[in-house]
Amino acid sequence: MNFEAQPIINLDRCTKCGLCVSGCPENALEMTDQGPKLRQPSICTYCTDCEALCPTGAIRTPLTVTWGSNYLS
């Protein structure tokens, strides 16, 4: 994964429920005393499961769609 594209974790909103950590299919997140963090950013596939699982919206996985001339027919 590109290190510039990582889930954004807002620890102020996090309740430390652990749903994001247990639901990460790549096991890229870990729970710390402060809350979840990317244990191994390089294995995160940016699947957005953590965002969908978070009941408080503490994790966001913003996506940017860009169009270039290579993609136009």
N, C-alpha and C. Protein backbone atom coordinates (compact mmCIF):
# COMPACT_ATOMS: atom_id res chain seq x y z
N MET A 1 0.83 -1.18 0.00
CA MET A 1 0.00 0.00 0.00
C MET A 1 0.87 1.24 0.00
N ASN A 2 0.40 2.27 -0.60
CA ASN A 2 1.08 3.55 -0.59
C ASN A 2 0.95 4.15 0.81
N PHE A 3 2.04 4.56 1.42
CA PHE A 3 2.01 5.08 2.78
C PHE A 3 1.25 6.40 2.87
N GLU A 4 1.04 7.08 1.76
CA GLU A 4 0.26 8.31 1.79
C GLU A 4 -1.23 8.03 1.94
N ALA A 5 -1.67 6.85 1.57
CA ALA A 5 -3.08 6.48 1.67
C ALA A 5 -3.25 5.50 2.83
N GLN A 6 -3.56 6.05 3.99
CA GLN A 6 -3.76 5.23 5.17
C GLN A 6 -5.04 5.65 5.86
N PRO A 7 -5.69 4.72 6.55
CA PRO A 7 -6.85 5.11 7.34
C PRO A 7 -6.48 6.22 8.33
N ILE A 8 -7.40 7.14 8.52
CA ILE A 8 -7.19 8.23 9.47
C ILE A 8 -7.95 7.87 10.74
N ILE A 9 -7.24 7.81 11.86
CA ILE A 9 -7.84 7.41 13.13
C ILE A 9 -7.94 8.62 14.04
N ASN A 10 -9.16 8.95 14.45
CA ASN A 10 -9.41 10.04 15.38
C ASN A 10 -9.56 9.43 16.78
N LEU A 11 -8.50 9.49 17.56
CA LEU A 11 -8.50 8.85 18.87
C LEU A 11 -9.45 9.54 19.86
N ASP A 12 -9.81 10.79 19.60
CA ASP A 12 -10.77 11.49 20.46
C ASP A 12 -12.17 10.88 20.35
N ARG A 13 -12.49 10.33 19.19
CA ARG A 13 -13.81 9.71 18.98
C ARG A 13 -13.82 8.22 19.30
N CYS A 14 -12.65 7.62 19.43
CA CYS A 14 -12.52 6.18 19.61
C CYS A 14 -12.94 5.75 21.02
N THR A 15 -13.73 4.69 21.10
CA THR A 15 -14.13 4.12 22.40
C THR A 15 -13.32 2.88 22.74
N LYS A 16 -12.37 2.52 21.89
CA LYS A 16 -11.51 1.36 22.06
C LYS A 16 -12.31 0.05 22.11
N CYS A 17 -13.35 -0.02 21.30
CA CYS A 17 -14.18 -1.23 21.27
C CYS A 17 -13.46 -2.41 20.62
N GLY A 18 -12.50 -2.12 19.74
CA GLY A 18 -11.71 -3.17 19.12
C GLY A 18 -12.31 -3.78 17.87
N LEU A 19 -13.48 -3.30 17.44
CA LEU A 19 -14.10 -3.87 16.23
C LEU A 19 -13.22 -3.70 15.00
N CYS A 20 -12.55 -2.57 14.89
CA CYS A 20 -11.68 -2.34 13.73
C CYS A 20 -10.51 -3.31 13.72
N VAL A 21 -9.95 -3.55 14.89
CA VAL A 21 -8.79 -4.44 15.01
C VAL A 21 -9.20 -5.88 14.69
N SER A 22 -10.29 -6.34 15.29
CA SER A 22 -10.70 -7.73 15.06
C SER A 22 -11.25 -7.94 13.66
N GLY A 23 -11.74 -6.87 13.02
CA GLY A 23 -12.32 -7.01 11.69
C GLY A 23 -11.38 -6.74 10.54
N CYS A 24 -10.14 -6.38 10.84
CA CYS A 24 -9.17 -6.09 9.78
C CYS A 24 -8.74 -7.40 9.11
N PRO A 25 -9.06 -7.59 7.83
CA PRO A 25 -8.71 -8.85 7.17
C PRO A 25 -7.21 -9.06 6.98
N GLU A 26 -6.43 -7.99 7.03
CA GLU A 26 -4.98 -8.09 6.84
C GLU A 26 -4.22 -8.09 8.16
N ASN A 27 -4.94 -7.91 9.28
CA ASN A 27 -4.29 -7.86 10.59
C ASN A 27 -3.29 -6.71 10.67
N ALA A 28 -3.65 -5.59 10.03
CA ALA A 28 -2.75 -4.44 9.98
C ALA A 28 -2.92 -3.50 11.17
N LEU A 29 -4.01 -3.64 11.92
CA LEU A 29 -4.27 -2.78 13.07
C LEU A 29 -3.97 -3.50 14.37
N GLU A 30 -3.61 -2.73 15.38
CA GLU A 30 -3.46 -3.27 16.72
C GLU A 30 -4.06 -2.29 17.71
N MET A 31 -4.51 -2.78 18.85
CA MET A 31 -5.05 -1.92 19.89
C MET A 31 -3.95 -1.58 20.88
N THR A 32 -3.81 -0.31 21.17
CA THR A 32 -2.84 0.16 22.16
C THR A 32 -3.62 0.79 23.31
N ASP A 33 -2.94 1.23 24.33
CA ASP A 33 -3.60 1.92 25.45
C ASP A 33 -4.31 3.19 24.98
N GLN A 34 -3.78 3.81 23.94
CA GLN A 34 -4.38 5.04 23.41
C GLN A 34 -5.53 4.76 22.45
N GLY A 35 -5.55 3.59 21.84
CA GLY A 35 -6.55 3.23 20.85
C GLY A 35 -5.90 2.48 19.71
N PRO A 36 -6.63 2.26 18.61
CA PRO A 36 -6.08 1.51 17.50
C PRO A 36 -5.00 2.29 16.76
N LYS A 37 -4.06 1.54 16.20
CA LYS A 37 -3.05 2.15 15.33
C LYS A 37 -2.67 1.12 14.28
N LEU A 38 -2.13 1.63 13.19
CA LEU A 38 -1.65 0.74 12.13
C LEU A 38 -0.38 0.07 12.61
N ARG A 39 -0.46 -1.22 12.82
CA ARG A 39 0.68 -2.01 13.26
C ARG A 39 1.67 -2.17 12.13
N GLN A 40 1.12 -2.46 10.95
CA GLN A 40 1.96 -2.64 9.76
C GLN A 40 1.30 -1.92 8.58
N PRO A 41 1.58 -0.63 8.42
CA PRO A 41 0.96 0.13 7.33
C PRO A 41 1.19 -0.49 5.95
N SER A 42 2.31 -1.17 5.76
CA SER A 42 2.62 -1.71 4.44
C SER A 42 1.70 -2.86 4.03
N ILE A 43 1.02 -3.50 4.99
CA ILE A 43 0.12 -4.60 4.61
C ILE A 43 -1.34 -4.17 4.55
N CYS A 44 -1.62 -2.93 4.90
CA CYS A 44 -2.99 -2.41 4.80
C CYS A 44 -3.35 -2.30 3.32
N THR A 45 -4.47 -2.92 2.94
CA THR A 45 -4.91 -2.90 1.55
C THR A 45 -5.95 -1.80 1.29
N TYR A 46 -6.24 -1.01 2.32
CA TYR A 46 -7.20 0.10 2.21
C TYR A 46 -8.57 -0.43 1.79
N CYS A 47 -8.96 -1.55 2.39
CA CYS A 47 -10.23 -2.20 2.06
C CYS A 47 -11.43 -1.43 2.60
N THR A 48 -11.24 -0.56 3.56
CA THR A 48 -12.24 0.28 4.23
C THR A 48 -13.13 -0.48 5.21
N ASP A 49 -12.81 -1.74 5.51
CA ASP A 49 -13.60 -2.49 6.49
C ASP A 49 -13.58 -1.82 7.85
N CYS A 50 -12.45 -1.30 8.27
CA CYS A 50 -12.34 -0.67 9.59
C CYS A 50 -13.30 0.51 9.71
N GLU A 51 -13.41 1.29 8.65
CA GLU A 51 -14.33 2.44 8.67
C GLU A 51 -15.78 1.96 8.80
N ALA A 52 -16.13 0.92 8.07
CA ALA A 52 -17.50 0.40 8.11
C ALA A 52 -17.84 -0.19 9.48
N LEU A 53 -16.87 -0.77 10.15
CA LEU A 53 -17.09 -1.41 11.45
C LEU A 53 -17.14 -0.43 12.62
N CYS A 54 -16.55 0.72 12.49
CA CYS A 54 -16.43 1.66 13.61
C CYS A 54 -17.77 2.31 13.94
N PRO A 55 -18.31 2.05 15.14
CA PRO A 55 -19.62 2.60 15.49
C PRO A 55 -19.62 4.10 15.79
N THR A 56 -18.44 4.68 16.01
CA THR A 56 -18.37 6.11 16.34
C THR A 56 -17.80 6.96 15.21
N GLY A 57 -17.44 6.34 14.11
CA GLY A 57 -16.86 7.09 13.00
C GLY A 57 -15.46 7.60 13.29
N ALA A 58 -14.74 6.88 14.16
CA ALA A 58 -13.39 7.32 14.53
C ALA A 58 -12.35 7.00 13.46
N ILE A 59 -12.70 6.11 12.53
CA ILE A 59 -11.75 5.76 11.46
C ILE A 59 -12.38 6.17 10.12
N ARG A 60 -11.59 6.91 9.36
CA ARG A 60 -12.05 7.31 8.03
C ARG A 60 -11.05 6.82 7.00
N THR A 61 -11.57 6.42 5.87
CA THR A 61 -10.72 5.99 4.76
C THR A 61 -11.15 6.79 3.53
N PRO A 62 -10.77 8.07 3.49
CA PRO A 62 -11.20 8.90 2.37
C PRO A 62 -10.58 8.43 1.05
N LEU A 63 -11.38 8.48 0.04
CA LEU A 63 -10.93 8.09 -1.29
C LEU A 63 -10.98 9.31 -2.20
N THR A 64 -10.04 9.39 -3.11
CA THR A 64 -10.02 10.45 -4.10
C THR A 64 -10.07 9.82 -5.48
N VAL A 65 -11.03 10.24 -6.26
CA VAL A 65 -11.16 9.74 -7.62
C VAL A 65 -10.57 10.80 -8.54
N THR A 66 -9.63 10.38 -9.35
CA THR A 66 -9.01 11.30 -10.31
C THR A 66 -9.19 10.74 -11.71
N TRP A 67 -9.40 11.61 -12.65
CA TRP A 67 -9.56 11.22 -14.05
C TRP A 67 -8.39 11.79 -14.82
N GLY A 68 -7.82 10.98 -15.63
CA GLY A 68 -6.73 11.42 -16.47
C GLY A 68 -7.02 11.07 -17.93
N SER A 69 -6.28 11.65 -18.81
CA SER A 69 -6.50 11.42 -20.24
C SER A 69 -6.28 9.96 -20.63
N ASN A 70 -5.51 9.22 -19.84
CA ASN A 70 -5.27 7.80 -20.14
C ASN A 70 -6.52 6.95 -19.98
N TYR A 71 -7.50 7.46 -19.24
CA TYR A 71 -8.69 6.68 -18.93
C TYR A 71 -9.89 7.05 -19.79
N LEU A 72 -9.75 8.06 -20.60
CA LEU A 72 -10.85 8.50 -21.45
C LEU A 72 -10.79 7.79 -22.80
N SER A 73 -11.96 7.44 -23.33
CA SER A 73 -11.94 6.80 -24.64
C SER A 73 -12.30 7.78 -25.73
